[in-house]
Amino acid sequence: MRKRADFLAANGGLRTTTPGFILLIRDRKDADTSMRVGFTVTKKIGGAVIRNRMKRRFRALAREIVPTKGLAGADHIMIGRAKGVERDFGLLRSELASALDRLRP
Protein backbone atom coordinates (compact mmCIF):
# COMPACT_ATOMS: atom_id res chain seq x y z
CA MET A 1 0.00 0.00 0.00
CA ARG A 2 1.31 3.41 -0.89
CA LYS A 3 -1.62 5.84 -0.81
CA ARG A 4 -2.07 8.06 2.24
CA ALA A 5 -5.86 7.67 2.05
CA ASP A 6 -5.51 3.90 2.57
CA PHE A 7 -3.37 4.42 5.67
CA LEU A 8 -5.80 6.98 7.09
CA ALA A 9 -8.76 4.68 6.44
CA ALA A 10 -7.01 1.83 8.27
CA ASN A 11 -6.71 4.05 11.32
CA GLY A 12 -10.46 3.58 11.89
CA GLY A 13 -10.22 -0.22 11.94
CA LEU A 14 -9.03 -2.76 14.49
CA ARG A 15 -5.89 -1.96 16.48
CA THR A 16 -3.51 -3.81 18.76
CA THR A 17 -0.22 -2.80 20.32
CA THR A 18 2.96 -4.77 20.92
CA PRO A 19 6.29 -3.50 22.24
CA GLY A 20 7.79 -3.50 18.73
CA PHE A 21 4.92 -2.19 16.61
CA ILE A 22 1.27 -1.20 16.36
CA LEU A 23 -0.90 -3.32 14.07
CA LEU A 24 -3.95 -1.84 12.35
CA ILE A 25 -6.37 -3.97 10.35
CA ARG A 26 -9.25 -2.66 8.29
CA ASP A 27 -11.71 -4.80 6.36
CA ARG A 28 -12.14 -3.20 2.93
CA LYS A 29 -15.64 -4.71 2.54
CA ASP A 30 -15.25 -5.32 -1.18
CA ALA A 31 -15.19 -8.40 -3.38
CA ASP A 32 -11.38 -8.45 -3.50
CA THR A 33 -10.03 -11.09 -1.09
CA SER A 34 -6.38 -10.06 -1.39
CA MET A 35 -4.49 -8.99 1.72
CA ARG A 36 -2.66 -5.68 1.46
CA VAL A 37 0.18 -4.69 3.77
CA GLY A 38 1.64 -1.27 4.57
CA PHE A 39 4.43 -0.04 6.83
CA THR A 40 5.03 3.25 8.60
CA VAL A 41 8.13 4.24 10.54
CA THR A 42 8.38 7.89 11.58
CA LYS A 43 11.46 10.06 11.99
CA LYS A 44 11.02 9.87 15.75
CA ILE A 45 12.36 6.30 15.52
CA GLY A 46 15.66 7.33 13.94
CA GLY A 47 17.45 8.33 10.78
CA ALA A 48 16.87 6.93 7.32
CA VAL A 49 19.14 3.93 7.83
CA ILE A 50 17.32 2.84 10.98
CA ARG A 51 13.88 3.45 9.48
CA ASN A 52 14.74 1.46 6.35
CA ARG A 53 16.16 -1.40 8.44
CA MET A 54 12.95 -1.54 10.43
CA LYS A 55 10.80 -1.54 7.27
CA ARG A 56 12.91 -4.38 5.82
CA ARG A 57 12.31 -6.40 8.98
CA PHE A 58 8.57 -5.66 8.79
CA ARG A 59 8.47 -6.73 5.12
CA ALA A 60 10.17 -10.02 5.98
CA LEU A 61 7.69 -10.63 8.80
CA ALA A 62 4.73 -9.79 6.59
CA ARG A 63 5.89 -12.11 3.80
CA GLU A 64 6.23 -14.94 6.29
CA ILE A 65 3.16 -14.56 8.52
CA VAL A 66 0.41 -12.46 6.89
CA PRO A 67 -0.43 -14.94 4.07
CA THR A 68 -1.28 -17.63 6.61
CA LYS A 69 -2.65 -15.67 9.59
CA GLY A 70 -3.88 -12.42 8.01
CA LEU A 71 -7.50 -11.54 7.32
CA ALA A 72 -8.64 -11.98 3.73
CA GLY A 73 -9.88 -8.80 2.07
CA ALA A 74 -8.25 -6.56 4.67
CA ASP A 75 -5.51 -3.95 4.87
CA HIS A 76 -2.77 -4.66 7.41
CA ILE A 77 -0.66 -1.71 8.61
CA MET A 78 2.41 -2.05 10.82
CA ILE A 79 3.55 1.13 12.58
CA GLY A 80 7.07 0.96 14.00
CA ARG A 81 7.78 1.73 17.64
CA ALA A 82 11.14 2.66 19.16
CA LYS A 83 11.66 -0.72 20.84
CA GLY A 84 11.15 -2.56 17.55
CA VAL A 85 14.55 -1.60 16.15
CA GLU A 86 16.68 -3.66 18.52
CA ARG A 87 14.03 -6.31 19.21
CA ASP A 88 14.88 -9.93 18.38
CA PHE A 89 13.40 -11.04 15.05
CA GLY A 90 11.96 -14.24 16.54
CA LEU A 91 10.22 -12.19 19.20
CA LEU A 92 8.76 -9.84 16.57
CA ARG A 93 7.56 -12.91 14.64
CA SER A 94 5.72 -14.31 17.64
CA GLU A 95 4.26 -10.88 18.49
CA LEU A 96 2.88 -10.47 14.95
CA ALA A 97 1.36 -13.95 14.98
CA SER A 98 -0.32 -13.37 18.35
CA ALA A 99 -1.49 -9.87 17.33
CA LEU A 100 -3.16 -11.29 14.22
CA ASP A 101 -4.80 -14.00 16.34
CA ARG A 102 -6.11 -11.38 18.80
CA LEU A 103 -7.68 -9.32 16.02
CA ARG A 104 -9.30 -12.27 14.27
CA PRO A 105 -13.11 -12.03 14.58
C-alpha atoms as a PDB file:
ATOM      1  CA  MET A   1       0.000   0.000   0.000  1.00  0.00           C
ATOM      2  CA  ARG A   2       1.306   3.409  -0.889  1.00  0.00           C
ATOM      3  CA  LYS A   3      -1.616   5.845  -0.810  1.00  0.00           C
ATOM      4  CA  ARG A   4      -2.066   8.061   2.238  1.00  0.00           C
ATOM      5  CA  ALA A   5      -5.855   7.670   2.051  1.00  0.00           C
ATOM      6  CA  ASP A   6      -5.514   3.895   2.573  1.00  0.00           C
ATOM      7  CA  PHE A   7      -3.369   4.422   5.672  1.00  0.00           C
ATOM      8  CA  LEU A   8      -5.803   6.982   7.094  1.00  0.00           C
ATOM      9  CA  ALA A   9      -8.763   4.679   6.441  1.00  0.00           C
ATOM     10  CA  ALA A  10      -7.007   1.827   8.270  1.00  0.00           C
ATOM     11  CA  ASN A  11      -6.710   4.054  11.319  1.00  0.00           C
ATOM     12  CA  GLY A  12     -10.459   3.575  11.895  1.00  0.00           C
ATOM     13  CA  GLY A  13     -10.216  -0.224  11.938  1.00  0.00           C
ATOM     14  CA  LEU A  14      -9.034  -2.760  14.487  1.00  0.00           C
ATOM     15  CA  ARG A  15      -5.887  -1.961  16.479  1.00  0.00           C
ATOM     16  CA  THR A  16      -3.509  -3.813  18.763  1.00  0.00           C
ATOM     17  CA  THR A  17      -0.221  -2.798  20.315  1.00  0.00           C
ATOM     18  CA  THR A  18       2.961  -4.772  20.925  1.00  0.00           C
ATOM     19  CA  PRO A  19       6.291  -3.500  22.242  1.00  0.00           C
ATOM     20  CA  GLY A  20       7.787  -3.496  18.725  1.00  0.00           C
ATOM     21  CA  PHE A  21       4.923  -2.187  16.606  1.00  0.00           C
ATOM     22  CA  ILE A  22       1.274  -1.203  16.358  1.00  0.00           C
ATOM     23  CA  LEU A  23      -0.898  -3.325  14.065  1.00  0.00           C
ATOM     24  CA  LEU A  24      -3.951  -1.836  12.351  1.00  0.00           C
ATOM     25  CA  ILE A  25      -6.370  -3.975  10.353  1.00  0.00           C
ATOM     26  CA  ARG A  26      -9.255  -2.660   8.288  1.00  0.00           C
ATOM     27  CA  ASP A  27     -11.708  -4.803   6.358  1.00  0.00           C
ATOM     28  CA  ARG A  28     -12.144  -3.196   2.930  1.00  0.00           C
ATOM     29  CA  LYS A  29     -15.643  -4.714   2.542  1.00  0.00           C
ATOM     30  CA  ASP A  30     -15.250  -5.316  -1.175  1.00  0.00           C
ATOM     31  CA  ALA A  31     -15.195  -8.400  -3.382  1.00  0.00           C
ATOM     32  CA  ASP A  32     -11.377  -8.454  -3.495  1.00  0.00           C
ATOM     33  CA  THR A  33     -10.035 -11.093  -1.087  1.00  0.00           C
ATOM     34  CA  SER A  34      -6.382 -10.056  -1.391  1.00  0.00           C
ATOM     35  CA  MET A  35      -4.493  -8.987   1.717  1.00  0.00           C
ATOM     36  CA  ARG A  36      -2.655  -5.679   1.457  1.00  0.00           C
ATOM     37  CA  VAL A  37       0.176  -4.686   3.766  1.00  0.00           C
ATOM     38  CA  GLY A  38       1.636  -1.267   4.572  1.00  0.00           C
ATOM     39  CA  PHE A  39       4.431  -0.044   6.828  1.00  0.00           C
ATOM     40  CA  THR A  40       5.029   3.254   8.601  1.00  0.00           C
ATOM     41  CA  VAL A  41       8.126   4.244  10.539  1.00  0.00           C
ATOM     42  CA  THR A  42       8.376   7.890  11.576  1.00  0.00           C
ATOM     43  CA  LYS A  43      11.462  10.057  11.987  1.00  0.00           C
ATOM     44  CA  LYS A  44      11.021   9.866  15.751  1.00  0.00           C
ATOM     45  CA  ILE A  45      12.362   6.302  15.524  1.00  0.00           C
ATOM     46  CA  GLY A  46      15.658   7.330  13.941  1.00  0.00           C
ATOM     47  CA  GLY A  47      17.450   8.331  10.779  1.00  0.00           C
ATOM     48  CA  ALA A  48      16.870   6.934   7.321  1.00  0.00           C
ATOM     49  CA  VAL A  49      19.142   3.929   7.830  1.00  0.00           C
ATOM     50  CA  ILE A  50      17.321   2.839  10.978  1.00  0.00           C
ATOM     51  CA  ARG A  51      13.875   3.448   9.477  1.00  0.00           C
ATOM     52  CA  ASN A  52      14.737   1.458   6.349  1.00  0.00           C
ATOM     53  CA  ARG A  53      16.160  -1.404   8.440  1.00  0.00           C
ATOM     54  CA  MET A  54      12.946  -1.537  10.432  1.00  0.00           C
ATOM     55  CA  LYS A  55      10.804  -1.536   7.275  1.00  0.00           C
ATOM     56  CA  ARG A  56      12.910  -4.377   5.822  1.00  0.00           C
ATOM     57  CA  ARG A  57      12.313  -6.398   8.980  1.00  0.00           C
ATOM     58  CA  PHE A  58       8.574  -5.665   8.790  1.00  0.00           C
ATOM     59  CA  ARG A  59       8.471  -6.728   5.121  1.00  0.00           C
ATOM     60  CA  ALA A  60      10.173 -10.025   5.975  1.00  0.00           C
ATOM     61  CA  LEU A  61       7.691 -10.629   8.802  1.00  0.00           C
ATOM     62  CA  ALA A  62       4.726  -9.789   6.593  1.00  0.00           C
ATOM     63  CA  ARG A  63       5.893 -12.111   3.798  1.00  0.00           C
ATOM     64  CA  GLU A  64       6.231 -14.937   6.285  1.00  0.00           C
ATOM     65  CA  ILE A  65       3.160 -14.558   8.517  1.00  0.00           C
ATOM     66  CA  VAL A  66       0.414 -12.461   6.888  1.00  0.00           C
ATOM     67  CA  PRO A  67      -0.431 -14.936   4.070  1.00  0.00           C
ATOM     68  CA  THR A  68      -1.282 -17.633   6.612  1.00  0.00           C
ATOM     69  CA  LYS A  69      -2.647 -15.675   9.592  1.00  0.00           C
ATOM     70  CA  GLY A  70      -3.879 -12.421   8.014  1.00  0.00           C
ATOM     71  CA  LEU A  71      -7.495 -11.537   7.324  1.00  0.00           C
ATOM     72  CA  ALA A  72      -8.636 -11.978   3.727  1.00  0.00           C
ATOM     73  CA  GLY A  73      -9.884  -8.801   2.066  1.00  0.00           C
ATOM     74  CA  ALA A  74      -8.246  -6.561   4.673  1.00  0.00           C
ATOM     75  CA  ASP A  75      -5.515  -3.953   4.871  1.00  0.00           C
ATOM     76  CA  HIS A  76      -2.773  -4.659   7.414  1.00  0.00           C
ATOM     77  CA  ILE A  77      -0.657  -1.709   8.608  1.00  0.00           C
ATOM     78  CA  MET A  78       2.412  -2.047  10.818  1.00  0.00           C
ATOM     79  CA  ILE A  79       3.546   1.131  12.576  1.00  0.00           C
ATOM     80  CA  GLY A  80       7.067   0.961  14.003  1.00  0.00           C
ATOM     81  CA  ARG A  81       7.780   1.731  17.635  1.00  0.00           C
ATOM     82  CA  ALA A  82      11.142   2.662  19.163  1.00  0.00           C
ATOM     83  CA  LYS A  83      11.662  -0.721  20.839  1.00  0.00           C
ATOM     84  CA  GLY A  84      11.152  -2.559  17.549  1.00  0.00           C
ATOM     85  CA  VAL A  85      14.549  -1.597  16.152  1.00  0.00           C
ATOM     86  CA  GLU A  86      16.683  -3.661  18.518  1.00  0.00           C
ATOM     87  CA  ARG A  87      14.026  -6.315  19.211  1.00  0.00           C
ATOM     88  CA  ASP A  88      14.876  -9.930  18.380  1.00  0.00           C
ATOM     89  CA  PHE A  89      13.399 -11.043  15.048  1.00  0.00           C
ATOM     90  CA  GLY A  90      11.964 -14.244  16.537  1.00  0.00           C
ATOM     91  CA  LEU A  91      10.221 -12.194  19.198  1.00  0.00           C
ATOM     92  CA  LEU A  92       8.756  -9.844  16.569  1.00  0.00           C
ATOM     93  CA  ARG A  93       7.564 -12.911  14.636  1.00  0.00           C
ATOM     94  CA  SER A  94       5.721 -14.314  17.636  1.00  0.00           C
ATOM     95  CA  GLU A  95       4.264 -10.878  18.485  1.00  0.00           C
ATOM     96  CA  LEU A  96       2.878 -10.465  14.955  1.00  0.00           C
ATOM     97  CA  ALA A  97       1.357 -13.949  14.984  1.00  0.00           C
ATOM     98  CA  SER A  98      -0.315 -13.372  18.350  1.00  0.00           C
ATOM     99  CA  ALA A  99      -1.489  -9.874  17.334  1.00  0.00           C
ATOM    100  CA  LEU A 100      -3.156 -11.291  14.220  1.00  0.00           C
ATOM    101  CA  ASP A 101      -4.804 -13.995  16.339  1.00  0.00           C
ATOM    102  CA  ARG A 102      -6.109 -11.381  18.798  1.00  0.00           C
ATOM    103  CA  LEU A 103      -7.681  -9.322  16.016  1.00  0.00           C
ATOM    104  CA  ARG A 104      -9.298 -12.272  14.265  1.00  0.00           C
ATOM    105  CA  PRO A 105     -13.108 -12.033  14.582  1.00  0.00           C
END
